Protein backbone atom coordinates (compact mmCIF):
# COMPACT_ATOMS: atom_id res chain seq x y z
CA UNK A 1 0.00 -0.21 -0.09
CA UNK A 2 1.19 3.26 -0.79
CA UNK A 3 1.42 6.08 1.84
CA UNK A 4 -1.27 9.05 1.10
CA UNK A 5 -0.59 11.89 -0.55
CA UNK A 6 -0.57 14.94 2.62
CA UNK A 7 3.98 14.83 1.81
CA UNK A 8 3.16 17.30 -0.71
CA UNK A 9 1.06 19.10 1.49
CA UNK A 10 3.78 18.35 3.96
CA UNK A 11 6.34 20.30 1.82
CA UNK A 12 3.85 23.23 0.73
CA UNK A 13 3.29 23.93 4.67
CA UNK A 14 7.08 24.86 5.04
CA UNK A 15 6.98 26.91 3.03
CA UNK A 16 3.46 28.50 3.68
CA UNK A 17 4.66 29.09 8.02
CA UNK A 18 7.57 30.56 6.59
CA UNK A 19 6.20 33.59 3.42
CA UNK A 20 2.71 32.01 1.95
CA UNK A 21 0.12 31.14 4.42
CA UNK A 22 -2.74 29.93 2.38
CA UNK A 23 0.03 28.49 -0.83
CA UNK A 24 -1.39 24.98 -0.16
CA UNK A 25 -4.85 25.72 -0.08
CA UNK A 26 -5.52 23.28 -2.62
CA UNK A 27 -1.98 21.42 -3.31
CA UNK A 28 -2.94 17.61 -4.83
CA UNK A 29 -1.29 14.60 -3.42
CA UNK A 30 1.30 12.77 -4.95
CA UNK A 31 -0.13 9.41 -4.13
CA UNK A 32 -3.41 9.57 -6.83
CA UNK A 33 -2.48 5.33 -7.03
CA UNK A 34 -4.59 3.47 -4.31
CA UNK A 35 -3.98 -0.01 -4.68
CA UNK A 36 -5.88 -2.64 -2.45
CA UNK A 37 -3.27 -3.51 0.48
CA UNK A 38 -1.88 -6.71 0.14
CA UNK A 39 -1.72 -7.49 3.44
CA UNK A 40 -4.09 -10.68 3.78
CA UNK A 41 -7.52 -11.05 3.81
CA UNK A 42 -10.45 -12.14 5.36
CA UNK A 43 -11.72 -13.15 1.75
CA UNK A 44 -8.71 -15.48 0.73
CA UNK A 45 -7.00 -12.65 -1.09
CA UNK A 46 -3.26 -13.92 -2.01
CA UNK A 47 -0.83 -11.85 -1.25
CA UNK A 48 0.83 -12.96 -4.53
CA UNK A 49 -1.93 -12.13 -7.08
CA UNK A 50 -1.50 -9.28 -9.27
CA UNK A 51 -4.89 -7.52 -9.80
CA UNK A 52 -7.26 -5.66 -11.51
CA UNK A 53 -7.80 -1.91 -10.48
CA UNK A 54 -11.01 -1.64 -7.61
CA UNK A 55 -14.37 -1.05 -8.90
CA UNK A 56 -15.86 1.96 -6.86
CA UNK A 57 -18.98 0.42 -6.78
CA UNK A 58 -17.89 -2.80 -5.57
CA UNK A 59 -15.75 -1.37 -2.29
CA UNK A 60 -19.11 0.34 -1.36
CA UNK A 61 -20.79 -2.79 -1.50
CA UNK A 62 -17.44 -5.00 0.19
CA UNK A 63 -17.91 -2.45 3.52
CA UNK A 64 -22.05 -2.67 3.35
CA UNK A 65 -21.17 -6.02 3.87
CA UNK A 66 -18.96 -5.90 6.34
CA UNK A 67 -20.43 -3.27 8.37
CA UNK A 68 -23.57 -5.52 8.42
CA UNK A 69 -21.48 -8.40 9.55
CA UNK A 70 -20.58 -6.26 12.89
CA UNK A 71 -22.25 -7.51 15.69
CA UNK A 72 -24.50 -4.98 17.60
CA UNK A 73 -23.90 -5.74 21.31
CA UNK A 74 -21.04 -7.65 21.63
CA UNK A 75 -17.79 -7.82 20.00
CA UNK A 76 -16.47 -8.12 16.48
CA UNK A 77 -13.54 -9.87 15.04
CA UNK A 78 -10.46 -8.60 14.55
CA UNK A 79 -10.52 -9.23 10.63
CA UNK A 80 -13.86 -7.83 9.99
CA UNK A 81 -12.54 -4.71 11.85
CA UNK A 82 -9.57 -4.89 10.09
CA UNK A 83 -11.33 -5.08 6.91
CA UNK A 84 -13.49 -2.41 7.60
CA UNK A 85 -10.87 -0.45 8.61
CA UNK A 86 -8.58 -1.05 5.28
CA UNK A 87 -11.79 -0.51 2.85
CA UNK A 88 -12.91 2.85 4.49
CA UNK A 89 -8.83 4.21 3.80
CA UNK A 90 -9.44 2.76 -0.17
CA UNK A 91 -13.05 4.77 -0.04
CA UNK A 92 -11.07 7.53 0.93
CA UNK A 93 -8.49 7.69 -1.92
CA UNK A 94 -10.67 6.89 -4.64
CA UNK A 95 -14.18 8.90 -3.75
CA UNK A 96 -15.46 12.06 -4.86
CA UNK A 97 -13.47 14.98 -2.37
CA UNK A 98 -16.20 15.86 -0.54
CA UNK A 99 -16.73 11.67 0.86
CA UNK A 100 -13.58 11.33 1.41
CA UNK A 101 -13.28 13.05 5.28
CA UNK A 102 -15.96 10.53 6.21
CA UNK A 103 -14.08 7.42 4.48
CA UNK A 104 -11.46 8.50 6.96
CA UNK A 105 -13.18 9.39 9.91
CA UNK A 106 -15.09 5.81 9.84
CA UNK A 107 -11.47 3.76 9.31
CA UNK A 108 -9.72 6.07 11.87
CA UNK A 109 -12.18 4.72 14.46
CA UNK A 110 -12.61 0.75 13.26
CA UNK A 111 -8.75 1.16 13.51
CA UNK A 112 -8.90 2.27 17.05
CA UNK A 113 -11.84 -0.06 17.74
CA UNK A 114 -9.13 -2.84 16.79
CA UNK A 115 -6.14 -1.36 19.02
CA UNK A 116 -8.66 -1.41 22.00
CA UNK A 117 -9.12 -5.28 21.44
CA UNK A 118 -5.99 -6.49 20.38
CA UNK A 119 -3.25 -3.80 21.30
CA UNK A 120 -0.63 -6.59 20.47
CA UNK A 121 -1.67 -6.86 16.92
CA UNK A 122 -0.23 -5.00 13.62
CA UNK A 123 -3.39 -4.18 11.67
CA UNK A 124 -4.60 -1.63 13.74
CA UNK A 125 -2.52 0.46 14.18
CA UNK A 126 -0.95 0.64 10.27
CA UNK A 127 -4.27 1.19 9.70
CA UNK A 128 -4.70 3.88 11.69
CA UNK A 129 -1.72 5.12 10.63
CA UNK A 130 -2.97 5.35 7.33
CA UNK A 131 -6.69 6.86 7.94
CA UNK A 132 -5.33 9.34 10.01
CA UNK A 133 -2.74 10.13 6.92
CA UNK A 134 -5.98 10.42 4.97
CA UNK A 135 -7.19 12.96 7.32
CA UNK A 136 -4.05 15.09 7.06
CA UNK A 137 -4.57 14.81 3.20
CA UNK A 138 -8.19 16.60 3.52
CA UNK A 139 -7.13 18.98 6.04
CA UNK A 140 -5.19 20.62 4.22
CA UNK A 141 -1.36 21.35 5.00
CA UNK A 142 -1.14 23.01 8.48
CA UNK A 143 -3.84 20.05 10.00
CA UNK A 144 -0.69 17.61 8.25
CA UNK A 145 2.04 19.07 10.18
CA UNK A 146 0.09 18.47 13.33
CA UNK A 147 -1.16 15.18 12.47
CA UNK A 148 2.57 13.93 11.76
CA UNK A 149 3.92 12.86 15.17
CA UNK A 150 0.60 10.62 15.42
CA UNK A 151 1.00 8.79 11.81
CA UNK A 152 4.89 8.30 12.73
CA UNK A 153 3.44 6.62 16.22
CA UNK A 154 1.68 4.55 14.75
CA UNK A 155 3.28 4.05 12.12
CA UNK A 156 6.70 2.79 14.47
CA UNK A 157 4.36 0.56 16.66
CA UNK A 158 3.45 -1.28 13.66
CA UNK A 159 6.78 -1.82 13.09
CA UNK A 160 7.67 -3.21 16.00
CA UNK A 161 4.64 -5.96 15.80
CA UNK A 162 5.60 -7.12 12.39
CA UNK A 163 7.46 -4.78 9.77
CA UNK A 164 7.08 -7.22 6.80
CA UNK A 165 3.38 -6.18 7.21
CA UNK A 166 2.20 -4.89 3.54
CA UNK A 167 5.80 -5.84 2.02
CA UNK A 168 7.45 -4.09 4.82
CA UNK A 169 4.42 -0.65 4.46
CA UNK A 170 5.69 0.64 7.69
CA UNK A 171 8.94 1.23 6.54
CA UNK A 172 8.11 2.13 3.18
CA UNK A 173 5.91 4.98 4.84
CA UNK A 174 8.05 6.09 7.45
CA UNK A 175 10.69 6.50 5.05
CA UNK A 176 7.91 8.51 2.41
CA UNK A 177 7.69 10.85 5.61
CA UNK A 178 10.94 11.48 6.39
CA UNK A 179 12.24 12.36 2.75
CA UNK A 180 9.34 14.31 1.61
CA UNK A 181 8.45 16.44 5.79
CA UNK A 182 9.99 19.08 6.13
CA UNK A 183 13.06 19.38 7.89
CA UNK A 184 13.35 20.53 12.30
CA UNK A 185 11.85 22.83 13.11
CA UNK A 186 9.13 22.43 10.83
CA UNK A 187 8.61 18.98 11.24
CA UNK A 188 10.61 15.83 11.18
CA UNK A 189 11.65 15.56 7.63
CA UNK A 190 15.45 13.84 7.87
CA UNK A 191 17.16 12.37 4.79
CA UNK A 192 18.80 9.80 6.90
CA UNK A 193 16.21 8.15 8.48
CA UNK A 194 14.82 7.64 5.51
CA UNK A 195 17.41 5.70 3.58
CA UNK A 196 17.62 3.65 6.71
CA UNK A 197 13.78 2.99 6.90
CA UNK A 198 13.41 2.44 2.78
CA UNK A 199 16.56 0.45 2.61
CA UNK A 200 14.55 -1.94 5.29
CA UNK A 201 11.75 -1.76 3.48
CA UNK A 202 13.99 -3.68 -0.53
CA UNK A 203 15.33 -6.11 1.86
CA UNK A 204 12.15 -7.14 3.70
CA UNK A 205 10.57 -7.18 0.34
CA UNK A 206 12.23 -6.64 -2.67
CA UNK A 207 9.89 -7.75 -4.87
CA UNK A 208 7.73 -4.59 -4.39
CA UNK A 209 8.24 -1.94 -7.04
CA UNK A 210 7.71 0.54 -4.95
CA UNK A 211 9.94 0.30 -2.12
CA UNK A 212 12.46 0.21 -4.72
CA UNK A 213 11.35 3.37 -6.43
CA UNK A 214 11.18 5.49 -3.39
CA UNK A 215 14.53 4.14 -1.94
CA UNK A 216 15.53 5.20 -5.79
CA UNK A 217 13.82 9.10 -4.60
CA UNK A 218 15.74 8.84 -1.82
CA UNK A 219 19.11 8.43 -3.39
CA UNK A 220 18.72 11.32 -5.30
CA UNK A 221 18.51 13.61 -2.76
CA UNK A 222 21.47 12.66 -1.00
CA UNK A 223 23.60 12.99 -4.27
CA UNK A 224 23.93 9.00 -4.98
CA UNK A 225 23.05 8.68 -8.28
CA UNK A 226 24.26 5.52 -9.29
CA UNK A 227 22.66 3.50 -6.46
CA UNK A 228 19.38 5.55 -7.57
CA UNK A 229 20.03 3.93 -10.69
CA UNK A 230 20.03 0.33 -9.59
CA UNK A 231 17.30 1.00 -7.85
CA UNK A 232 15.16 1.99 -10.86
CA UNK A 233 16.53 -0.47 -13.20
CA UNK A 234 15.10 -3.33 -10.51
CA UNK A 235 11.89 -1.32 -10.69
CA UNK A 236 11.36 -1.95 -14.20
CA UNK A 237 12.75 -5.80 -14.08
CA UNK A 238 9.21 -8.50 -14.84
CA UNK A 239 10.19 -9.60 -11.44
CA UNK A 240 9.90 -6.47 -9.09
CA UNK A 241 5.90 -5.18 -9.36
CA UNK A 242 3.08 -3.76 -7.25
CA UNK A 243 -0.57 -5.09 -6.49
CA UNK A 244 -2.44 -3.81 -9.43
CA UNK A 245 -1.01 -3.76 -13.07
CA UNK A 246 -2.25 -0.03 -13.26
CA UNK A 247 0.59 0.23 -10.73
CA UNK A 248 3.52 -1.16 -12.54
CA UNK A 249 3.08 1.18 -15.30
CA UNK A 250 2.70 3.81 -12.93
CA UNK A 251 6.29 2.93 -10.77
CA UNK A 252 8.20 2.51 -14.65
CA UNK A 253 6.50 5.76 -15.59
CA UNK A 254 8.05 7.59 -12.44
CA UNK A 255 11.33 5.63 -12.47
CA UNK A 256 11.55 6.58 -16.05
CA UNK A 257 11.48 10.21 -15.15
CA UNK A 258 13.81 9.45 -12.11
CA UNK A 259 16.74 7.86 -13.79
CA UNK A 260 16.40 11.26 -16.35
CA UNK A 261 18.55 13.23 -12.39
CA UNK A 262 20.35 10.51 -11.98
CA UNK A 263 22.27 11.35 -15.41
């Protein structure tokens, strides 16, 4: 799963807090692609499957069916809560702008319930981080900066429980945050931390093209063009892929653009 699109807002916020208070009002996020999570699902989705893009109507129907299975007056299963939190996040990414915040809040609620029930499970912490990041995106640059500590805390907890979840998702998202956020004192940006997390993501899930792509971008920022080129070449290999065909194509497109900066 790619991290939500609030990181461009963080970049804008870093400028906005110093120069232009309203510069980030309508900033577009960098994460316009939103696959299903690659983690195991109650419906039996295989992590290795290559899936077609999600259909919005099917997503809504699937979530409604899950919500109908939530027992009234009794404790729901962690599997149902996980899937409801995950689908709420995905709907927040693909719905019309006016509907997105409600989905993220719903996913946040399911995640928090799951954490209360099963604090030692990775799923609640991970999906709370991603739904909170979605809320940060729709809330604008200033909200994004304020929510970053919460997102980082939940991702670090998720990584401490199961760092392989969602193809090394906790490390991938943390690496992206530290790459894209403004540096201290405005926010938490730290390119060396980004490098450490993304190297770990690549080590844990070397088949995931997005891990290599994000690592390459961090390497470019560090001036390590030769190493970045090697990562981008891996992105282009047929054995390296994302969950959906369109995500592979987009990773390839991003890799080609980044290769031009490595020459």
